[in-house]
Amino acid sequence: MIIDLTNILSHMDTTENVECTLENDRFQLGTDAYSILDKKPFTLNLVNVMGQKLLVNGETEIQLTVPCDRCLEDVTISVPVKIDYEFRFSEEQIVPAEDEEYSFLSEDYRELSVDAMVHDEILVNWPDKVLCRDDCKGICPVCGQNLNKKDCGCDRVVLDPRMAKFQDIFKEFKEV
């Protein structure tokens, strides 16, 4: 959804509430794309403060399907999205700070992409680790079996490579 900012920027001390809905059905993160399950409509509050600042505020929550970091089973997660921006503007056009770059503003700074803004906020609030449950056992590194469903019986002992020579010596003594 694209919001035209020319009206709010041209009227000093006005407030505009825009009912927003996301158009994207997938959330792109690098080479991965995750399905958006629930995208509730939300209100974006635009405020022109004394013809010098534009405040943009809104809140929503997005539900996504993401694979568990250990077992790769799909998990539904909720990501809170809290939009809170303050832009300075002059002559009915936003003037970005020198060190700021906004991917959700058009090149002429007169349009705002709600989908791109929400995307940026999801990135900020993305969880460090996604688990299907706290005690997820993951997958077997030998055969790939999901250990939450059943134990495969593979030997998963990982030895310190510096101690591998000792294991070889013990094997030689067993053969004698």
N, C-alpha and C. Protein backbone atom coordinates (compact mmCIF):
# COMPACT_ATOMS: atom_id res chain seq x y z
N MET A 1 0.85 -1.18 0.00
CA MET A 1 0.00 0.00 0.00
C MET A 1 0.89 1.24 0.00
N ILE A 2 0.57 2.17 -0.88
CA ILE A 2 1.32 3.42 -1.00
C ILE A 2 0.45 4.56 -0.46
N ILE A 3 1.03 5.39 0.39
CA ILE A 3 0.33 6.56 0.94
C ILE A 3 0.94 7.81 0.32
N ASP A 4 0.09 8.64 -0.29
CA ASP A 4 0.53 9.91 -0.85
C ASP A 4 0.62 10.93 0.28
N LEU A 5 1.79 11.51 0.48
CA LEU A 5 2.03 12.42 1.60
C LEU A 5 1.81 13.89 1.25
N THR A 6 1.52 14.21 0.00
CA THR A 6 1.42 15.63 -0.40
C THR A 6 0.33 16.37 0.35
N ASN A 7 -0.80 15.73 0.61
CA ASN A 7 -1.91 16.40 1.32
C ASN A 7 -1.52 16.73 2.76
N ILE A 8 -1.00 15.77 3.49
CA ILE A 8 -0.64 16.00 4.90
C ILE A 8 0.53 16.97 5.02
N LEU A 9 1.46 16.94 4.07
CA LEU A 9 2.61 17.84 4.12
C LEU A 9 2.23 19.28 3.80
N SER A 10 1.16 19.48 3.04
CA SER A 10 0.78 20.84 2.64
C SER A 10 -0.16 21.53 3.62
N HIS A 11 -0.68 20.82 4.62
CA HIS A 11 -1.59 21.42 5.60
C HIS A 11 -0.97 21.37 6.99
N MET A 12 -0.63 22.55 7.51
CA MET A 12 0.03 22.65 8.81
C MET A 12 -0.89 22.20 9.95
N ASP A 13 -0.29 21.52 10.93
CA ASP A 13 -0.99 21.07 12.15
C ASP A 13 -2.22 20.22 11.86
N THR A 14 -2.10 19.30 10.93
CA THR A 14 -3.21 18.39 10.64
C THR A 14 -2.83 16.97 11.00
N THR A 15 -3.87 16.19 11.25
CA THR A 15 -3.69 14.77 11.56
C THR A 15 -4.50 13.97 10.57
N GLU A 16 -3.91 12.90 10.09
CA GLU A 16 -4.60 12.03 9.15
C GLU A 16 -4.43 10.60 9.62
N ASN A 17 -5.54 9.88 9.77
CA ASN A 17 -5.50 8.47 10.14
C ASN A 17 -5.80 7.65 8.89
N VAL A 18 -4.86 6.79 8.53
CA VAL A 18 -5.00 5.99 7.31
C VAL A 18 -5.15 4.53 7.70
N GLU A 19 -6.23 3.91 7.23
CA GLU A 19 -6.46 2.48 7.47
C GLU A 19 -5.58 1.71 6.48
N CYS A 20 -4.66 0.91 7.00
CA CYS A 20 -3.67 0.22 6.16
C CYS A 20 -3.87 -1.29 6.17
N THR A 21 -3.62 -1.89 5.03
CA THR A 21 -3.57 -3.35 4.93
C THR A 21 -2.32 -3.70 4.13
N LEU A 22 -1.69 -4.78 4.52
CA LEU A 22 -0.49 -5.21 3.81
C LEU A 22 -0.88 -5.91 2.52
N GLU A 23 -0.14 -5.67 1.47
CA GLU A 23 -0.39 -6.31 0.18
C GLU A 23 0.46 -7.57 0.00
N ASN A 24 1.61 -7.61 0.66
CA ASN A 24 2.51 -8.76 0.51
C ASN A 24 1.97 -9.98 1.22
N ASP A 25 2.11 -11.15 0.60
CA ASP A 25 1.73 -12.42 1.22
C ASP A 25 2.94 -13.17 1.75
N ARG A 26 4.13 -12.67 1.40
CA ARG A 26 5.36 -13.32 1.83
C ARG A 26 6.32 -12.27 2.37
N PHE A 27 7.13 -12.69 3.34
CA PHE A 27 8.16 -11.83 3.91
C PHE A 27 9.50 -12.33 3.41
N GLN A 28 10.24 -11.49 2.71
CA GLN A 28 11.52 -11.87 2.13
C GLN A 28 12.64 -11.49 3.07
N LEU A 29 13.48 -12.47 3.43
CA LEU A 29 14.63 -12.23 4.30
C LEU A 29 15.83 -12.89 3.64
N GLY A 30 16.62 -12.10 2.94
CA GLY A 30 17.74 -12.66 2.18
C GLY A 30 17.21 -13.53 1.06
N THR A 31 17.65 -14.79 1.04
CA THR A 31 17.18 -15.72 0.01
C THR A 31 15.96 -16.51 0.46
N ASP A 32 15.55 -16.33 1.72
CA ASP A 32 14.39 -17.05 2.26
C ASP A 32 13.14 -16.20 2.17
N ALA A 33 12.01 -16.88 1.92
CA ALA A 33 10.71 -16.20 1.90
C ALA A 33 9.79 -16.96 2.84
N TYR A 34 9.12 -16.23 3.72
CA TYR A 34 8.24 -16.82 4.72
C TYR A 34 6.80 -16.37 4.47
N SER A 35 5.86 -17.29 4.62
CA SER A 35 4.45 -16.99 4.40
C SER A 35 3.91 -16.12 5.53
N ILE A 36 3.18 -15.09 5.16
CA ILE A 36 2.49 -14.26 6.15
C ILE A 36 1.10 -14.86 6.32
N LEU A 37 0.80 -15.34 7.53
CA LEU A 37 -0.47 -16.00 7.79
C LEU A 37 -1.57 -15.01 8.14
N ASP A 38 -1.26 -14.06 9.00
CA ASP A 38 -2.27 -13.13 9.48
C ASP A 38 -1.73 -11.72 9.39
N LYS A 39 -2.39 -10.92 8.61
CA LYS A 39 -2.00 -9.52 8.46
C LYS A 39 -3.23 -8.66 8.73
N LYS A 40 -3.36 -8.28 9.98
CA LYS A 40 -4.52 -7.51 10.42
C LYS A 40 -4.43 -6.08 9.88
N PRO A 41 -5.57 -5.52 9.49
CA PRO A 41 -5.55 -4.09 9.12
C PRO A 41 -5.20 -3.25 10.35
N PHE A 42 -4.53 -2.17 10.14
CA PHE A 42 -4.14 -1.30 11.25
C PHE A 42 -4.20 0.15 10.80
N THR A 43 -4.21 1.04 11.77
CA THR A 43 -4.30 2.47 11.50
C THR A 43 -2.92 3.11 11.63
N LEU A 44 -2.55 3.85 10.61
CA LEU A 44 -1.31 4.60 10.62
C LEU A 44 -1.68 6.07 10.86
N ASN A 45 -1.12 6.64 11.89
CA ASN A 45 -1.43 8.01 12.29
C ASN A 45 -0.34 8.94 11.74
N LEU A 46 -0.73 9.88 10.88
CA LEU A 46 0.20 10.85 10.29
C LEU A 46 -0.12 12.23 10.86
N VAL A 47 0.88 12.89 11.42
CA VAL A 47 0.66 14.20 12.05
C VAL A 47 1.68 15.20 11.50
N ASN A 48 1.17 16.32 10.98
CA ASN A 48 2.00 17.43 10.54
C ASN A 48 2.14 18.37 11.73
N VAL A 49 3.34 18.49 12.26
CA VAL A 49 3.58 19.33 13.44
C VAL A 49 4.18 20.66 13.00
N MET A 50 3.38 21.71 13.07
CA MET A 50 3.79 23.08 12.77
C MET A 50 4.47 23.23 11.41
N GLY A 51 4.13 22.41 10.45
CA GLY A 51 4.69 22.54 9.11
C GLY A 51 6.17 22.25 9.03
N GLN A 52 6.73 21.59 10.06
CA GLN A 52 8.16 21.30 10.07
C GLN A 52 8.47 19.82 10.24
N LYS A 53 7.58 19.10 10.93
CA LYS A 53 7.84 17.68 11.20
C LYS A 53 6.63 16.86 10.80
N LEU A 54 6.89 15.64 10.37
CA LEU A 54 5.84 14.68 10.09
C LEU A 54 6.06 13.49 11.02
N LEU A 55 5.07 13.21 11.86
CA LEU A 55 5.13 12.06 12.76
C LEU A 55 4.31 10.94 12.15
N VAL A 56 4.86 9.74 12.13
CA VAL A 56 4.17 8.56 11.60
C VAL A 56 4.18 7.51 12.69
N ASN A 57 2.98 7.11 13.14
CA ASN A 57 2.86 6.14 14.23
C ASN A 57 1.81 5.09 13.89
N GLY A 58 2.05 3.87 14.35
CA GLY A 58 1.08 2.79 14.19
C GLY A 58 1.62 1.51 14.79
N GLU A 59 0.70 0.59 15.08
CA GLU A 59 1.09 -0.70 15.65
C GLU A 59 0.26 -1.81 15.04
N THR A 60 0.87 -2.96 14.86
CA THR A 60 0.18 -4.16 14.42
C THR A 60 1.01 -5.37 14.82
N GLU A 61 0.53 -6.52 14.46
CA GLU A 61 1.26 -7.76 14.73
C GLU A 61 1.10 -8.65 13.50
N ILE A 62 2.20 -9.23 13.08
CA ILE A 62 2.21 -10.07 11.89
C ILE A 62 2.53 -11.50 12.30
N GLN A 63 1.76 -12.46 11.78
CA GLN A 63 2.04 -13.87 12.04
C GLN A 63 2.65 -14.48 10.79
N LEU A 64 3.77 -15.17 10.99
CA LEU A 64 4.52 -15.78 9.89
C LEU A 64 4.76 -17.26 10.15
N THR A 65 4.94 -18.01 9.08
CA THR A 65 5.36 -19.41 9.19
C THR A 65 6.85 -19.46 8.92
N VAL A 66 7.61 -19.94 9.92
CA VAL A 66 9.07 -19.95 9.87
C VAL A 66 9.54 -21.34 10.28
N PRO A 67 10.59 -21.90 9.65
CA PRO A 67 11.09 -23.20 10.09
C PRO A 67 11.84 -23.09 11.42
N CYS A 68 11.68 -24.12 12.26
CA CYS A 68 12.41 -24.20 13.53
C CYS A 68 13.91 -24.24 13.22
N ASP A 69 14.70 -23.54 14.01
CA ASP A 69 16.14 -23.49 13.77
C ASP A 69 16.84 -24.81 14.05
N ARG A 70 16.20 -25.71 14.78
CA ARG A 70 16.84 -27.00 15.09
C ARG A 70 16.31 -28.15 14.24
N CYS A 71 14.98 -28.27 14.11
CA CYS A 71 14.42 -29.45 13.44
C CYS A 71 13.80 -29.13 12.08
N LEU A 72 13.71 -27.87 11.71
CA LEU A 72 13.19 -27.41 10.43
C LEU A 72 11.69 -27.61 10.24
N GLU A 73 10.95 -27.96 11.30
CA GLU A 73 9.49 -28.04 11.22
C GLU A 73 8.93 -26.62 11.19
N ASP A 74 7.82 -26.42 10.48
CA ASP A 74 7.22 -25.09 10.41
C ASP A 74 6.63 -24.67 11.75
N VAL A 75 6.88 -23.42 12.12
CA VAL A 75 6.42 -22.84 13.37
C VAL A 75 5.73 -21.52 13.04
N THR A 76 4.62 -21.23 13.71
CA THR A 76 3.96 -19.95 13.55
C THR A 76 4.47 -19.00 14.63
N ILE A 77 5.01 -17.86 14.19
CA ILE A 77 5.50 -16.86 15.15
C ILE A 77 4.74 -15.55 14.94
N SER A 78 4.63 -14.78 16.01
CA SER A 78 4.03 -13.44 15.94
C SER A 78 5.14 -12.42 16.12
N VAL A 79 5.21 -11.49 15.20
CA VAL A 79 6.23 -10.44 15.27
C VAL A 79 5.52 -9.11 15.49
N PRO A 80 5.80 -8.44 16.61
CA PRO A 80 5.17 -7.13 16.84
C PRO A 80 5.79 -6.08 15.92
N VAL A 81 4.94 -5.22 15.38
CA VAL A 81 5.40 -4.15 14.51
C VAL A 81 4.95 -2.83 15.12
N LYS A 82 5.92 -2.04 15.56
CA LYS A 82 5.62 -0.73 16.15
C LYS A 82 6.31 0.33 15.28
N ILE A 83 5.50 1.08 14.58
CA ILE A 83 6.00 2.11 13.68
C ILE A 83 6.01 3.44 14.42
N ASP A 84 7.17 4.08 14.46
CA ASP A 84 7.30 5.36 15.15
C ASP A 84 8.44 6.14 14.49
N TYR A 85 8.09 7.01 13.54
CA TYR A 85 9.08 7.78 12.80
C TYR A 85 8.78 9.27 12.92
N GLU A 86 9.84 10.04 12.85
CA GLU A 86 9.73 11.50 12.82
C GLU A 86 10.59 11.99 11.67
N PHE A 87 9.95 12.69 10.73
CA PHE A 87 10.65 13.23 9.57
C PHE A 87 10.57 14.75 9.58
N ARG A 88 11.65 15.39 9.21
CA ARG A 88 11.64 16.84 9.01
C ARG A 88 11.32 17.08 7.53
N PHE A 89 10.61 18.15 7.27
CA PHE A 89 10.31 18.45 5.87
C PHE A 89 10.26 19.95 5.63
N SER A 90 10.43 20.31 4.37
CA SER A 90 10.31 21.71 3.94
C SER A 90 9.76 21.71 2.53
N GLU A 91 8.98 22.73 2.22
CA GLU A 91 8.38 22.88 0.90
C GLU A 91 7.64 21.61 0.46
N GLU A 92 6.86 21.07 1.38
CA GLU A 92 6.02 19.91 1.11
C GLU A 92 6.82 18.69 0.64
N GLN A 93 8.03 18.56 1.13
CA GLN A 93 8.86 17.41 0.80
C GLN A 93 9.71 17.04 2.00
N ILE A 94 9.79 15.76 2.30
CA ILE A 94 10.60 15.29 3.43
C ILE A 94 12.07 15.49 3.12
N VAL A 95 12.81 15.96 4.11
CA VAL A 95 14.25 16.16 3.98
C VAL A 95 14.93 15.15 4.90
N PRO A 96 15.51 14.08 4.34
CA PRO A 96 16.15 13.08 5.21
C PRO A 96 17.45 13.61 5.80
N ALA A 97 17.78 13.13 6.99
CA ALA A 97 19.06 13.47 7.59
C ALA A 97 20.17 12.86 6.74
N GLU A 98 21.37 13.41 6.87
CA GLU A 98 22.49 12.96 6.03
C GLU A 98 22.80 11.48 6.21
N ASP A 99 22.68 10.98 7.44
CA ASP A 99 23.05 9.60 7.72
C ASP A 99 21.87 8.64 7.64
N GLU A 100 20.70 9.11 7.23
CA GLU A 100 19.51 8.27 7.18
C GLU A 100 19.18 7.88 5.74
N GLU A 101 18.72 6.66 5.58
CA GLU A 101 18.26 6.19 4.29
C GLU A 101 16.98 5.40 4.53
N TYR A 102 15.90 5.81 3.90
CA TYR A 102 14.61 5.19 4.12
C TYR A 102 14.19 4.45 2.86
N SER A 103 14.14 3.13 2.95
CA SER A 103 13.76 2.32 1.79
C SER A 103 12.27 2.40 1.50
N PHE A 104 11.49 2.89 2.46
CA PHE A 104 10.04 2.92 2.30
C PHE A 104 9.52 4.25 1.77
N LEU A 105 10.39 5.22 1.50
CA LEU A 105 9.99 6.49 0.92
C LEU A 105 10.34 6.50 -0.56
N SER A 106 9.48 7.13 -1.37
CA SER A 106 9.76 7.23 -2.80
C SER A 106 10.96 8.15 -3.03
N GLU A 107 11.47 8.15 -4.24
CA GLU A 107 12.66 8.95 -4.54
C GLU A 107 12.43 10.45 -4.33
N ASP A 108 11.21 10.91 -4.57
CA ASP A 108 10.92 12.34 -4.37
C ASP A 108 10.40 12.63 -2.96
N TYR A 109 10.39 11.63 -2.09
CA TYR A 109 10.00 11.75 -0.68
C TYR A 109 8.56 12.24 -0.49
N ARG A 110 7.69 11.93 -1.43
CA ARG A 110 6.29 12.35 -1.33
C ARG A 110 5.34 11.17 -1.17
N GLU A 111 5.86 9.96 -1.22
CA GLU A 111 5.04 8.76 -1.06
C GLU A 111 5.70 7.82 -0.06
N LEU A 112 4.85 7.10 0.67
CA LEU A 112 5.31 6.20 1.72
C LEU A 112 4.77 4.80 1.42
N SER A 113 5.65 3.81 1.35
CA SER A 113 5.24 2.42 1.13
C SER A 113 5.05 1.75 2.49
N VAL A 114 3.81 1.41 2.81
CA VAL A 114 3.50 0.78 4.10
C VAL A 114 4.13 -0.61 4.16
N ASP A 115 4.08 -1.36 3.06
CA ASP A 115 4.66 -2.71 3.04
C ASP A 115 6.16 -2.68 3.32
N ALA A 116 6.87 -1.74 2.71
CA ALA A 116 8.31 -1.63 2.94
C ALA A 116 8.62 -1.19 4.36
N MET A 117 7.79 -0.31 4.92
CA MET A 117 7.98 0.15 6.29
C MET A 117 7.78 -1.00 7.27
N VAL A 118 6.72 -1.78 7.07
CA VAL A 118 6.45 -2.94 7.93
C VAL A 118 7.56 -3.97 7.77
N HIS A 119 8.06 -4.17 6.55
CA HIS A 119 9.17 -5.10 6.31
C HIS A 119 10.38 -4.71 7.15
N ASP A 120 10.73 -3.42 7.14
CA ASP A 120 11.87 -2.95 7.93
C ASP A 120 11.66 -3.17 9.42
N GLU A 121 10.44 -2.97 9.90
CA GLU A 121 10.14 -3.16 11.32
C GLU A 121 10.17 -4.65 11.70
N ILE A 122 9.74 -5.52 10.80
CA ILE A 122 9.83 -6.97 11.06
C ILE A 122 11.30 -7.37 11.19
N LEU A 123 12.15 -6.83 10.33
CA LEU A 123 13.59 -7.12 10.41
C LEU A 123 14.16 -6.73 11.77
N VAL A 124 13.75 -5.57 12.27
CA VAL A 124 14.25 -5.09 13.56
C VAL A 124 13.78 -6.01 14.69
N ASN A 125 12.57 -6.53 14.59
CA ASN A 125 11.98 -7.33 15.67
C ASN A 125 12.08 -8.84 15.43
N TRP A 126 12.86 -9.25 14.45
CA TRP A 126 13.00 -10.68 14.12
C TRP A 126 13.64 -11.40 15.31
N PRO A 127 13.09 -12.55 15.72
CA PRO A 127 13.66 -13.26 16.87
C PRO A 127 15.05 -13.83 16.56
N ASP A 128 15.89 -13.90 17.60
CA ASP A 128 17.24 -14.44 17.43
C ASP A 128 17.20 -15.92 17.06
N LYS A 129 16.33 -16.66 17.70
CA LYS A 129 16.23 -18.10 17.48
C LYS A 129 14.77 -18.48 17.47
N VAL A 130 14.35 -19.23 16.46
CA VAL A 130 12.97 -19.71 16.36
C VAL A 130 12.98 -21.20 16.66
N LEU A 131 12.27 -21.59 17.71
CA LEU A 131 12.19 -23.00 18.09
C LEU A 131 10.74 -23.44 18.12
N CYS A 132 10.50 -24.70 17.71
CA CYS A 132 9.14 -25.23 17.75
C CYS A 132 8.70 -25.43 19.20
N ARG A 133 9.63 -25.75 20.06
CA ARG A 133 9.41 -25.84 21.51
C ARG A 133 10.77 -25.69 22.18
N ASP A 134 10.76 -25.36 23.47
CA ASP A 134 12.01 -25.08 24.18
C ASP A 134 12.95 -26.28 24.23
N ASP A 135 12.39 -27.50 24.30
CA ASP A 135 13.23 -28.70 24.40
C ASP A 135 13.38 -29.42 23.06
N CYS A 136 13.35 -28.68 21.96
CA CYS A 136 13.49 -29.28 20.62
C CYS A 136 14.83 -30.00 20.53
N LYS A 137 14.80 -31.25 20.06
CA LYS A 137 16.01 -32.07 19.96
C LYS A 137 16.74 -31.88 18.64
N GLY A 138 16.09 -31.30 17.66
CA GLY A 138 16.74 -31.05 16.38
C GLY A 138 16.71 -32.26 15.46
N ILE A 139 17.64 -32.27 14.51
CA ILE A 139 17.75 -33.39 13.58
C ILE A 139 19.08 -34.10 13.78
N CYS A 140 19.11 -35.37 13.44
CA CYS A 140 20.33 -36.17 13.56
C CYS A 140 21.33 -35.69 12.51
N PRO A 141 22.56 -35.39 12.91
CA PRO A 141 23.56 -34.94 11.93
C PRO A 141 24.06 -36.06 11.03
N VAL A 142 23.75 -37.32 11.39
CA VAL A 142 24.21 -38.45 10.59
C VAL A 142 23.19 -38.80 9.52
N CYS A 143 21.91 -39.03 9.93
CA CYS A 143 20.91 -39.50 8.97
C CYS A 143 19.83 -38.48 8.64
N GLY A 144 19.72 -37.39 9.42
CA GLY A 144 18.73 -36.36 9.13
C GLY A 144 17.36 -36.59 9.74
N GLN A 145 17.20 -37.61 10.58
CA GLN A 145 15.92 -37.91 11.23
C GLN A 145 15.56 -36.80 12.22
N ASN A 146 14.28 -36.40 12.23
CA ASN A 146 13.79 -35.44 13.22
C ASN A 146 13.73 -36.17 14.56
N LEU A 147 14.57 -35.79 15.51
CA LEU A 147 14.68 -36.49 16.79
C LEU A 147 13.50 -36.21 17.71
N ASN A 148 12.65 -35.24 17.38
CA ASN A 148 11.43 -35.02 18.16
C ASN A 148 10.39 -36.10 17.85
N LYS A 149 10.45 -36.66 16.66
CA LYS A 149 9.47 -37.68 16.25
C LYS A 149 9.90 -39.07 16.68
N LYS A 150 11.17 -39.41 16.45
CA LYS A 150 11.68 -40.70 16.91
C LYS A 150 13.20 -40.67 16.94
N ASP A 151 13.77 -41.52 17.79
CA ASP A 151 15.22 -41.62 17.91
C ASP A 151 15.71 -42.58 16.83
N CYS A 152 16.75 -42.20 16.12
CA CYS A 152 17.24 -43.00 15.00
C CYS A 152 18.26 -44.05 15.41
N GLY A 153 18.93 -43.87 16.52
CA GLY A 153 19.92 -44.84 16.98
C GLY A 153 21.31 -44.64 16.40
N CYS A 154 21.52 -43.59 15.65
CA CYS A 154 22.85 -43.33 15.07
C CYS A 154 23.83 -42.94 16.18
N ASP A 155 25.12 -43.21 15.93
CA ASP A 155 26.17 -42.80 16.85
C ASP A 155 26.48 -41.33 16.57
N ARG A 156 26.04 -40.45 17.46
CA ARG A 156 26.19 -39.01 17.26
C ARG A 156 27.27 -38.42 18.14
N VAL A 157 28.16 -39.24 18.66
CA VAL A 157 29.23 -38.75 19.52
C VAL A 157 30.22 -37.97 18.66
N VAL A 158 30.41 -36.73 19.00
CA VAL A 158 31.35 -35.88 18.28
C VAL A 158 32.56 -35.68 19.18
N LEU A 159 33.69 -36.20 18.74
CA LEU A 159 34.91 -36.09 19.53
C LEU A 159 35.70 -34.87 19.11
N ASP A 160 36.47 -34.38 20.05
CA ASP A 160 37.38 -33.29 19.80
C ASP A 160 38.42 -33.79 18.80
N PRO A 161 38.62 -33.13 17.66
CA PRO A 161 39.57 -33.61 16.66
C PRO A 161 41.00 -33.72 17.20
N ARG A 162 41.33 -32.97 18.24
CA ARG A 162 42.67 -33.05 18.81
C ARG A 162 42.86 -34.36 19.56
N MET A 163 41.75 -34.98 19.99
CA MET A 163 41.83 -36.23 20.74
C MET A 163 41.59 -37.46 19.86
N ALA A 164 41.37 -37.27 18.57
CA ALA A 164 41.06 -38.38 17.67
C ALA A 164 42.20 -39.40 17.61
N LYS A 165 43.42 -38.97 17.71
CA LYS A 165 44.56 -39.90 17.68
C LYS A 165 44.51 -40.87 18.85
N PHE A 166 44.07 -40.39 20.03
CA PHE A 166 43.95 -41.29 21.17
C PHE A 166 42.93 -42.38 20.90
N GLN A 167 41.85 -42.03 20.23
CA GLN A 167 40.83 -43.03 19.91
C GLN A 167 41.41 -44.09 18.97
N ASP A 168 42.22 -43.67 18.02
CA ASP A 168 42.86 -44.63 17.12
C ASP A 168 43.78 -45.58 17.89
N ILE A 169 44.52 -45.06 18.87
CA ILE A 169 45.42 -45.90 19.67
C ILE A 169 44.62 -46.92 20.46
N PHE A 170 43.48 -46.50 21.07
CA PHE A 170 42.65 -47.43 21.83
C PHE A 170 42.07 -48.51 20.92
N LYS A 171 41.73 -48.16 19.69
CA LYS A 171 41.20 -49.15 18.76
C LYS A 171 42.26 -50.20 18.43
N GLU A 172 43.53 -49.77 18.30
CA GLU A 172 44.62 -50.71 18.02
C GLU A 172 44.79 -51.71 19.15
N PHE A 173 44.67 -51.24 20.41
CA PHE A 173 44.81 -52.14 21.55
C PHE A 173 43.67 -53.14 21.62
N LYS A 174 42.47 -52.75 21.19
CA LYS A 174 41.33 -53.66 21.20
C LYS A 174 41.52 -54.78 20.19
N GLU A 175 42.19 -54.49 19.09
CA GLU A 175 42.39 -55.47 18.03
C GLU A 175 43.42 -56.53 18.43
N VAL A 176 44.28 -56.24 19.37
CA VAL A 176 45.33 -57.17 19.78
C VAL A 176 44.81 -58.25 20.68
